[in-house]
Amino acid sequence: MYDFIRNPKPDLELGFEGSVYYVAKHYGMSIEEVWNMSAKAFEQSFVWANAADRHQAEEMEKTTNKGKNKARVGSTHGAMPFSE
């Protein structure tokens, strides 16, 4: 039924290999372990890994934006220190 996952066509092979590597790297698994997963387990693992990475990126962006807001330079209107 899901033979295309274990034996992908050449045009899909690179995409599957990238997805398998992504899941393996995210969960600390071997490539062989990921290839031996059921299609459903692989799909769920891929979706959750992607969601976790997306959430982490959003949190990092929020933290970066908060840091940028705090690091604003004050106004230079008016007399500069030691200008007189």
PDB file of N, CA and C in Angstrom:
ATOM      1  N   MET A   1       0.819  -1.197   0.000  1.00  0.00           N
ATOM      2  CA  MET A   1       0.000   0.000   0.000  1.00  0.00           C
ATOM      3  C   MET A   1       0.861   1.258   0.000  1.00  0.00           C
ATOM      4  N   TYR A   2       1.863   1.333   0.874  1.00  0.00           N
ATOM      5  CA  TYR A   2       2.732   2.508   0.943  1.00  0.00           C
ATOM      6  C   TYR A   2       4.117   2.175   0.409  1.00  0.00           C
ATOM      7  N   ASP A   3       4.189   1.383  -0.611  1.00  0.00           N
ATOM      8  CA  ASP A   3       5.460   0.970  -1.181  1.00  0.00           C
ATOM      9  C   ASP A   3       6.256   2.161  -1.703  1.00  0.00           C
ATOM     10  N   PHE A   4       5.573   3.251  -2.093  1.00  0.00           N
ATOM     11  CA  PHE A   4       6.279   4.406  -2.617  1.00  0.00           C
ATOM     12  C   PHE A   4       7.189   5.048  -1.570  1.00  0.00           C
ATOM     13  N   ILE A   5       6.924   4.824  -0.288  1.00  0.00           N
ATOM     14  CA  ILE A   5       7.789   5.375   0.753  1.00  0.00           C
ATOM     15  C   ILE A   5       9.072   4.567   0.858  1.00  0.00           C
ATOM     16  N   ARG A   6       8.960   3.269   0.768  1.00  0.00           N
ATOM     17  CA  ARG A   6      10.150   2.428   0.871  1.00  0.00           C
ATOM     18  C   ARG A   6      10.922   2.349  -0.451  1.00  0.00           C
ATOM     19  N   ASN A   7      10.234   2.487  -1.579  1.00  0.00           N
ATOM     20  CA  ASN A   7      10.855   2.419  -2.900  1.00  0.00           C
ATOM     21  C   ASN A   7      10.366   3.586  -3.762  1.00  0.00           C
ATOM     22  N   PRO A   8      10.817   4.799  -3.475  1.00  0.00           N
ATOM     23  CA  PRO A   8      10.325   5.950  -4.224  1.00  0.00           C
ATOM     24  C   PRO A   8      10.823   5.971  -5.657  1.00  0.00           C
ATOM     25  N   LYS A   9      10.068   6.615  -6.521  1.00  0.00           N
ATOM     26  CA  LYS A   9      10.495   6.811  -7.905  1.00  0.00           C
ATOM     27  C   LYS A   9      11.643   7.808  -7.904  1.00  0.00           C
ATOM     28  N   PRO A  10      12.500   7.764  -8.924  1.00  0.00           N
ATOM     29  CA  PRO A  10      13.678   8.646  -8.927  1.00  0.00           C
ATOM     30  C   PRO A  10      13.362  10.130  -8.751  1.00  0.00           C
ATOM     31  N   ASP A  11      12.263  10.611  -9.322  1.00  0.00           N
ATOM     32  CA  ASP A  11      11.949  12.037  -9.210  1.00  0.00           C
ATOM     33  C   ASP A  11      11.515  12.430  -7.791  1.00  0.00           C
ATOM     34  N   LEU A  12      11.076  11.470  -6.993  1.00  0.00           N
ATOM     35  CA  LEU A  12      10.677  11.748  -5.617  1.00  0.00           C
ATOM     36  C   LEU A  12      11.747  11.362  -4.603  1.00  0.00           C
ATOM     37  N   GLU A  13      12.723  10.638  -5.063  1.00  0.00           N
ATOM     38  CA  GLU A  13      13.722  10.078  -4.147  1.00  0.00           C
ATOM     39  C   GLU A  13      14.439  11.147  -3.328  1.00  0.00           C
ATOM     40  N   LEU A  14      14.868  12.224  -3.951  1.00  0.00           N
ATOM     41  CA  LEU A  14      15.587  13.260  -3.232  1.00  0.00           C
ATOM     42  C   LEU A  14      14.696  13.901  -2.171  1.00  0.00           C
ATOM     43  N   GLY A  15      13.450  14.132  -2.491  1.00  0.00           N
ATOM     44  CA  GLY A  15      12.517  14.700  -1.518  1.00  0.00           C
ATOM     45  C   GLY A  15      12.295  13.786  -0.327  1.00  0.00           C
ATOM     46  N   PHE A  16      12.131  12.489  -0.597  1.00  0.00           N
ATOM     47  CA  PHE A  16      11.958  11.532   0.499  1.00  0.00           C
ATOM     48  C   PHE A  16      13.215  11.433   1.348  1.00  0.00           C
ATOM     49  N   GLU A  17      14.361  11.409   0.702  1.00  0.00           N
ATOM     50  CA  GLU A  17      15.609  11.316   1.464  1.00  0.00           C
ATOM     51  C   GLU A  17      15.788  12.526   2.366  1.00  0.00           C
ATOM     52  N   GLY A  18      15.449  13.701   1.859  1.00  0.00           N
ATOM     53  CA  GLY A  18      15.537  14.907   2.674  1.00  0.00           C
ATOM     54  C   GLY A  18      14.583  14.857   3.853  1.00  0.00           C
ATOM     55  N   SER A  19      13.376  14.370   3.613  1.00  0.00           N
ATOM     56  CA  SER A  19      12.382  14.262   4.686  1.00  0.00           C
ATOM     57  C   SER A  19      12.803  13.230   5.718  1.00  0.00           C
ATOM     58  N   VAL A  20      13.353  12.127   5.254  1.00  0.00           N
ATOM     59  CA  VAL A  20      13.836  11.081   6.167  1.00  0.00           C
ATOM     60  C   VAL A  20      14.982  11.621   7.014  1.00  0.00           C
ATOM     61  N   TYR A  21      15.909  12.331   6.395  1.00  0.00           N
ATOM     62  CA  TYR A  21      17.023  12.918   7.137  1.00  0.00           C
ATOM     63  C   TYR A  21      16.509  13.905   8.179  1.00  0.00           C
ATOM     64  N   TYR A  22      15.543  14.732   7.792  1.00  0.00           N
ATOM     65  CA  TYR A  22      14.963  15.732   8.698  1.00  0.00           C
ATOM     66  C   TYR A  22      14.365  15.067   9.932  1.00  0.00           C
ATOM     67  N   VAL A  23      13.587  14.013   9.746  1.00  0.00           N
ATOM     68  CA  VAL A  23      12.972  13.295  10.873  1.00  0.00           C
ATOM     69  C   VAL A  23      14.057  12.624  11.724  1.00  0.00           C
ATOM     70  N   ALA A  24      15.016  11.990  11.063  1.00  0.00           N
ATOM     71  CA  ALA A  24      16.094  11.314  11.800  1.00  0.00           C
ATOM     72  C   ALA A  24      16.874  12.312  12.654  1.00  0.00           C
ATOM     73  N   LYS A  25      17.216  13.439  12.072  1.00  0.00           N
ATOM     74  CA  LYS A  25      17.986  14.462  12.785  1.00  0.00           C
ATOM     75  C   LYS A  25      17.184  15.034  13.950  1.00  0.00           C
ATOM     76  N   HIS A  26      15.910  15.313  13.715  1.00  0.00           N
ATOM     77  CA  HIS A  26      15.071  15.915  14.749  1.00  0.00           C
ATOM     78  C   HIS A  26      14.913  14.991  15.954  1.00  0.00           C
ATOM     79  N   TYR A  27      14.704  13.710  15.704  1.00  0.00           N
ATOM     80  CA  TYR A  27      14.441  12.766  16.788  1.00  0.00           C
ATOM     81  C   TYR A  27      15.673  11.982  17.234  1.00  0.00           C
ATOM     82  N   GLY A  28      16.826  12.241  16.641  1.00  0.00           N
ATOM     83  CA  GLY A  28      18.040  11.531  17.018  1.00  0.00           C
ATOM     84  C   GLY A  28      17.996  10.055  16.654  1.00  0.00           C
ATOM     85  N   MET A  29      17.412   9.767  15.501  1.00  0.00           N
ATOM     86  CA  MET A  29      17.276   8.381  15.037  1.00  0.00           C
ATOM     87  C   MET A  29      18.242   8.143  13.880  1.00  0.00           C
ATOM     88  N   SER A  30      18.441   6.883  13.547  1.00  0.00           N
ATOM     89  CA  SER A  30      19.231   6.561  12.370  1.00  0.00           C
ATOM     90  C   SER A  30      18.331   6.632  11.134  1.00  0.00           C
ATOM     91  N   ILE A  31      18.960   6.794   9.995  1.00  0.00           N
ATOM     92  CA  ILE A  31      18.211   6.830   8.732  1.00  0.00           C
ATOM     93  C   ILE A  31      17.457   5.508   8.546  1.00  0.00           C
ATOM     94  N   GLU A  32      18.101   4.418   8.879  1.00  0.00           N
ATOM     95  CA  GLU A  32      17.468   3.099   8.731  1.00  0.00           C
ATOM     96  C   GLU A  32      16.225   2.976   9.611  1.00  0.00           C
ATOM     97  N   GLU A  33      16.305   3.494  10.832  1.00  0.00           N
ATOM     98  CA  GLU A  33      15.140   3.446  11.728  1.00  0.00           C
ATOM     99  C   GLU A  33      13.958   4.213  11.131  1.00  0.00           C
ATOM    100  N   VAL A  34      14.258   5.354  10.539  1.00  0.00           N
ATOM    101  CA  VAL A  34      13.179   6.147   9.941  1.00  0.00           C
ATOM    102  C   VAL A  34      12.599   5.425   8.737  1.00  0.00           C
ATOM    103  N   TRP A  35      13.436   4.850   7.873  1.00  0.00           N
ATOM    104  CA  TRP A  35      12.936   4.118   6.704  1.00  0.00           C
ATOM    105  C   TRP A  35      12.074   2.927   7.125  1.00  0.00           C
ATOM    106  N   ASN A  36      12.323   2.374   8.302  1.00  0.00           N
ATOM    107  CA  ASN A  36      11.554   1.219   8.766  1.00  0.00           C
ATOM    108  C   ASN A  36      10.257   1.606   9.483  1.00  0.00           C
ATOM    109  N   MET A  37      10.003   2.903   9.641  1.00  0.00           N
ATOM    110  CA  MET A  37       8.770   3.345  10.288  1.00  0.00           C
ATOM    111  C   MET A  37       7.573   3.071   9.370  1.00  0.00           C
ATOM    112  N   SER A  38       6.413   2.927   9.979  1.00  0.00           N
ATOM    113  CA  SER A  38       5.199   2.828   9.165  1.00  0.00           C
ATOM    114  C   SER A  38       4.951   4.194   8.531  1.00  0.00           C
ATOM    115  N   ALA A  39       4.163   4.208   7.473  1.00  0.00           N
ATOM    116  CA  ALA A  39       3.856   5.460   6.795  1.00  0.00           C
ATOM    117  C   ALA A  39       3.173   6.438   7.741  1.00  0.00           C
ATOM    118  N   LYS A  40       2.263   5.934   8.551  1.00  0.00           N
ATOM    119  CA  LYS A  40       1.539   6.798   9.481  1.00  0.00           C
ATOM    120  C   LYS A  40       2.488   7.388  10.527  1.00  0.00           C
ATOM    121  N   ALA A  41       3.372   6.558  11.086  1.00  0.00           N
ATOM    122  CA  ALA A  41       4.328   7.032  12.091  1.00  0.00           C
ATOM    123  C   ALA A  41       5.271   8.066  11.481  1.00  0.00           C
ATOM    124  N   PHE A  42       5.715   7.819  10.251  1.00  0.00           N
ATOM    125  CA  PHE A  42       6.600   8.773   9.582  1.00  0.00           C
ATOM    126  C   PHE A  42       5.880  10.099   9.357  1.00  0.00           C
ATOM    127  N   GLU A  43       4.655  10.031   8.871  1.00  0.00           N
ATOM    128  CA  GLU A  43       3.889  11.254   8.615  1.00  0.00           C
ATOM    129  C   GLU A  43       3.701  12.061   9.893  1.00  0.00           C
ATOM    130  N   GLN A  44       3.315  11.401  10.967  1.00  0.00           N
ATOM    131  CA  GLN A  44       3.124  12.102  12.243  1.00  0.00           C
ATOM    132  C   GLN A  44       4.436  12.686  12.748  1.00  0.00           C
ATOM    133  N   SER A  45       5.517  11.929  12.632  1.00  0.00           N
ATOM    134  CA  SER A  45       6.824  12.406  13.081  1.00  0.00           C
ATOM    135  C   SER A  45       7.269  13.628  12.287  1.00  0.00           C
ATOM    136  N   PHE A  46       7.054  13.589  10.986  1.00  0.00           N
ATOM    137  CA  PHE A  46       7.439  14.703  10.130  1.00  0.00           C
ATOM    138  C   PHE A  46       6.638  15.955  10.470  1.00  0.00           C
ATOM    139  N   VAL A  47       5.327  15.793  10.635  1.00  0.00           N
ATOM    140  CA  VAL A  47       4.463  16.936  10.950  1.00  0.00           C
ATOM    141  C   VAL A  47       4.833  17.538  12.301  1.00  0.00           C
ATOM    142  N   TRP A  48       5.042  16.692  13.310  1.00  0.00           N
ATOM    143  CA  TRP A  48       5.384  17.204  14.639  1.00  0.00           C
ATOM    144  C   TRP A  48       6.766  17.845  14.665  1.00  0.00           C
ATOM    145  N   ALA A  49       7.720  17.273  13.957  1.00  0.00           N
ATOM    146  CA  ALA A  49       9.059  17.876  13.890  1.00  0.00           C
ATOM    147  C   ALA A  49       8.979  19.249  13.226  1.00  0.00           C
ATOM    148  N   ASN A  50       8.211  19.342  12.160  1.00  0.00           N
ATOM    149  CA  ASN A  50       8.050  20.607  11.459  1.00  0.00           C
ATOM    150  C   ASN A  50       7.358  21.635  12.351  1.00  0.00           C
ATOM    151  N   ALA A  51       6.317  21.223  13.044  1.00  0.00           N
ATOM    152  CA  ALA A  51       5.595  22.131  13.943  1.00  0.00           C
ATOM    153  C   ALA A  51       6.515  22.616  15.068  1.00  0.00           C
ATOM    154  N   ALA A  52       7.309  21.723  15.629  1.00  0.00           N
ATOM    155  CA  ALA A  52       8.224  22.096  16.708  1.00  0.00           C
ATOM    156  C   ALA A  52       9.265  23.094  16.214  1.00  0.00           C
ATOM    157  N   ASP A  53       9.815  22.858  15.040  1.00  0.00           N
ATOM    158  CA  ASP A  53      10.811  23.771  14.486  1.00  0.00           C
ATOM    159  C   ASP A  53      10.193  25.127  14.157  1.00  0.00           C
ATOM    160  N   ARG A  54       8.990  25.115  13.631  1.00  0.00           N
ATOM    161  CA  ARG A  54       8.309  26.371  13.304  1.00  0.00           C
ATOM    162  C   ARG A  54       8.025  27.172  14.586  1.00  0.00           C
ATOM    163  N   HIS A  55       7.577  26.472  15.630  1.00  0.00           N
ATOM    164  CA  HIS A  55       7.313  27.137  16.913  1.00  0.00           C
ATOM    165  C   HIS A  55       8.602  27.733  17.478  1.00  0.00           C
ATOM    166  N   GLN A  56       9.668  26.975  17.424  1.00  0.00           N
ATOM    167  CA  GLN A  56      10.948  27.459  17.930  1.00  0.00           C
ATOM    168  C   GLN A  56      11.399  28.694  17.149  1.00  0.00           C
ATOM    169  N   ALA A  57      11.233  28.696  15.844  1.00  0.00           N
ATOM    170  CA  ALA A  57      11.622  29.849  15.030  1.00  0.00           C
ATOM    171  C   ALA A  57      10.780  31.070  15.376  1.00  0.00           C
ATOM    172  N   GLU A  58       9.493  30.874  15.608  1.00  0.00           N
ATOM    173  CA  GLU A  58       8.620  31.987  15.992  1.00  0.00           C
ATOM    174  C   GLU A  58       9.031  32.566  17.343  1.00  0.00           C
ATOM    175  N   GLU A  59       9.357  31.698  18.297  1.00  0.00           N
ATOM    176  CA  GLU A  59       9.790  32.166  19.612  1.00  0.00           C
ATOM    177  C   GLU A  59      11.115  32.920  19.522  1.00  0.00           C
ATOM    178  N   MET A  60      12.021  32.436  18.695  1.00  0.00           N
ATOM    179  CA  MET A  60      13.302  33.118  18.520  1.00  0.00           C
ATOM    180  C   MET A  60      13.087  34.492  17.889  1.00  0.00           C
ATOM    181  N   GLU A  61      12.163  34.575  16.942  1.00  0.00           N
ATOM    182  CA  GLU A  61      11.871  35.855  16.303  1.00  0.00           C
ATOM    183  C   GLU A  61      11.270  36.840  17.306  1.00  0.00           C
ATOM    184  N   LYS A  62      10.373  36.344  18.160  1.00  0.00           N
ATOM    185  CA  LYS A  62       9.790  37.203  19.196  1.00  0.00           C
ATOM    186  C   LYS A  62      10.877  37.730  20.132  1.00  0.00           C
ATOM    187  N   THR A  63      11.772  36.844  20.545  1.00  0.00           N
ATOM    188  CA  THR A  63      12.861  37.237  21.443  1.00  0.00           C
ATOM    189  C   THR A  63      13.765  38.257  20.766  1.00  0.00           C
ATOM    190  N   THR A  64      14.067  38.044  19.510  1.00  0.00           N
ATOM    191  CA  THR A  64      14.905  38.974  18.761  1.00  0.00           C
ATOM    192  C   THR A  64      14.231  40.336  18.654  1.00  0.00           C
ATOM    193  N   ASN A  65      12.947  40.332  18.351  1.00  0.00           N
ATOM    194  CA  ASN A  65      12.222  41.596  18.233  1.00  0.00           C
ATOM    195  C   ASN A  65      12.154  42.338  19.561  1.00  0.00           C
ATOM    196  N   LYS A  66      11.994  41.614  20.666  1.00  0.00           N
ATOM    197  CA  LYS A  66      11.990  42.252  21.986  1.00  0.00           C
ATOM    198  C   LYS A  66      13.349  42.897  22.262  1.00  0.00           C
ATOM    199  N   GLY A  67      14.401  42.211  21.889  1.00  0.00           N
ATOM    200  CA  GLY A  67      15.745  42.746  22.078  1.00  0.00           C
ATOM    201  C   GLY A  67      15.988  43.986  21.243  1.00  0.00           C
ATOM    202  N   LYS A  68      15.470  43.994  20.033  1.00  0.00           N
ATOM    203  CA  LYS A  68      15.630  45.168  19.175  1.00  0.00           C
ATOM    204  C   LYS A  68      14.892  46.364  19.758  1.00  0.00           C
ATOM    205  N   ASN A  69      13.714  46.142  20.309  1.00  0.00           N
ATOM    206  CA  ASN A  69      12.937  47.235  20.882  1.00  0.00           C
ATOM    207  C   ASN A  69      13.638  47.838  22.095  1.00  0.00           C
ATOM    208  N   LYS A  70      14.300  47.027  22.874  1.00  0.00           N
ATOM    209  CA  LYS A  70      14.993  47.516  24.068  1.00  0.00           C
ATOM    210  C   LYS A  70      16.280  48.250  23.710  1.00  0.00           C
ATOM    211  N   ALA A  71      16.837  47.941  22.567  1.00  0.00           N
ATOM    212  CA  ALA A  71      18.127  48.502  22.194  1.00  0.00           C
ATOM    213  C   ALA A  71      17.998  49.774  21.353  1.00  0.00           C
ATOM    214  N   ARG A  72      16.845  50.381  21.342  1.00  0.00           N
ATOM    215  CA  ARG A  72      16.669  51.596  20.553  1.00  0.00           C
ATOM    216  C   ARG A  72      17.526  52.722  21.125  1.00  0.00           C
ATOM    217  N   VAL A  73      18.034  53.508  20.222  1.00  0.00           N
ATOM    218  CA  VAL A  73      18.855  54.647  20.604  1.00  0.00           C
ATOM    219  C   VAL A  73      17.927  55.814  20.914  1.00  0.00           C
ATOM    220  N   GLY A  74      18.236  56.523  21.976  1.00  0.00           N
ATOM    221  CA  GLY A  74      17.421  57.670  22.349  1.00  0.00           C
ATOM    222  C   GLY A  74      17.521  58.781  21.322  1.00  0.00           C
ATOM    223  N   SER A  75      16.664  59.714  21.412  1.00  0.00           N
ATOM    224  CA  SER A  75      16.612  60.831  20.492  1.00  0.00           C
ATOM    225  C   SER A  75      17.877  61.673  20.602  1.00  0.00           C
ATOM    226  N   THR A  76      18.308  62.209  19.476  1.00  0.00           N
ATOM    227  CA  THR A  76      19.475  63.107  19.469  1.00  0.00           C
ATOM    228  C   THR A  76      19.058  64.554  19.341  1.00  0.00           C
ATOM    229  N   HIS A  77      17.763  64.834  19.472  1.00  0.00           N
ATOM    230  CA  HIS A  77      17.288  66.211  19.439  1.00  0.00           C
ATOM    231  C   HIS A  77      17.709  66.898  20.731  1.00  0.00           C
ATOM    232  N   GLY A  78      18.114  68.130  20.598  1.00  0.00           N
ATOM    233  CA  GLY A  78      18.541  68.850  21.773  1.00  0.00           C
ATOM    234  C   GLY A  78      20.061  68.880  21.878  1.00  0.00           C
ATOM    235  N   ALA A  79      20.543  69.440  22.925  1.00  0.00           N
ATOM    236  CA  ALA A  79      21.983  69.596  23.109  1.00  0.00           C
ATOM    237  C   ALA A  79      22.637  68.249  23.375  1.00  0.00           C
ATOM    238  N   MET A  80      23.766  68.078  22.757  1.00  0.00           N
ATOM    239  CA  MET A  80      24.557  66.866  22.971  1.00  0.00           C
ATOM    240  C   MET A  80      25.383  67.075  24.234  1.00  0.00           C
ATOM    241  N   PRO A  81      25.656  66.014  24.970  1.00  0.00           N
ATOM    242  CA  PRO A  81      26.482  66.159  26.163  1.00  0.00           C
ATOM    243  C   PRO A  81      27.863  66.748  25.791  1.00  0.00           C
ATOM    244  N   PHE A  82      28.358  67.613  26.617  1.00  0.00           N
ATOM    245  CA  PHE A  82      29.679  68.239  26.442  1.00  0.00           C
ATOM    246  C   PHE A  82      29.786  69.089  25.184  1.00  0.00           C
ATOM    247  N   SER A  83      28.633  69.554  24.641  1.00  0.00           N
ATOM    248  CA  SER A  83      28.670  70.347  23.428  1.00  0.00           C
ATOM    249  C   SER A  83      28.914  71.829  23.700  1.00  0.00           C
ATOM    250  N   GLU A  84      28.848  72.257  24.941  1.00  0.00           N
ATOM    251  CA  GLU A  84      29.028  73.668  25.245  1.00  0.00           C
ATOM    252  C   GLU A  84      30.411  73.968  25.733  1.00  0.00           C
TER     253      GLU A  84
END
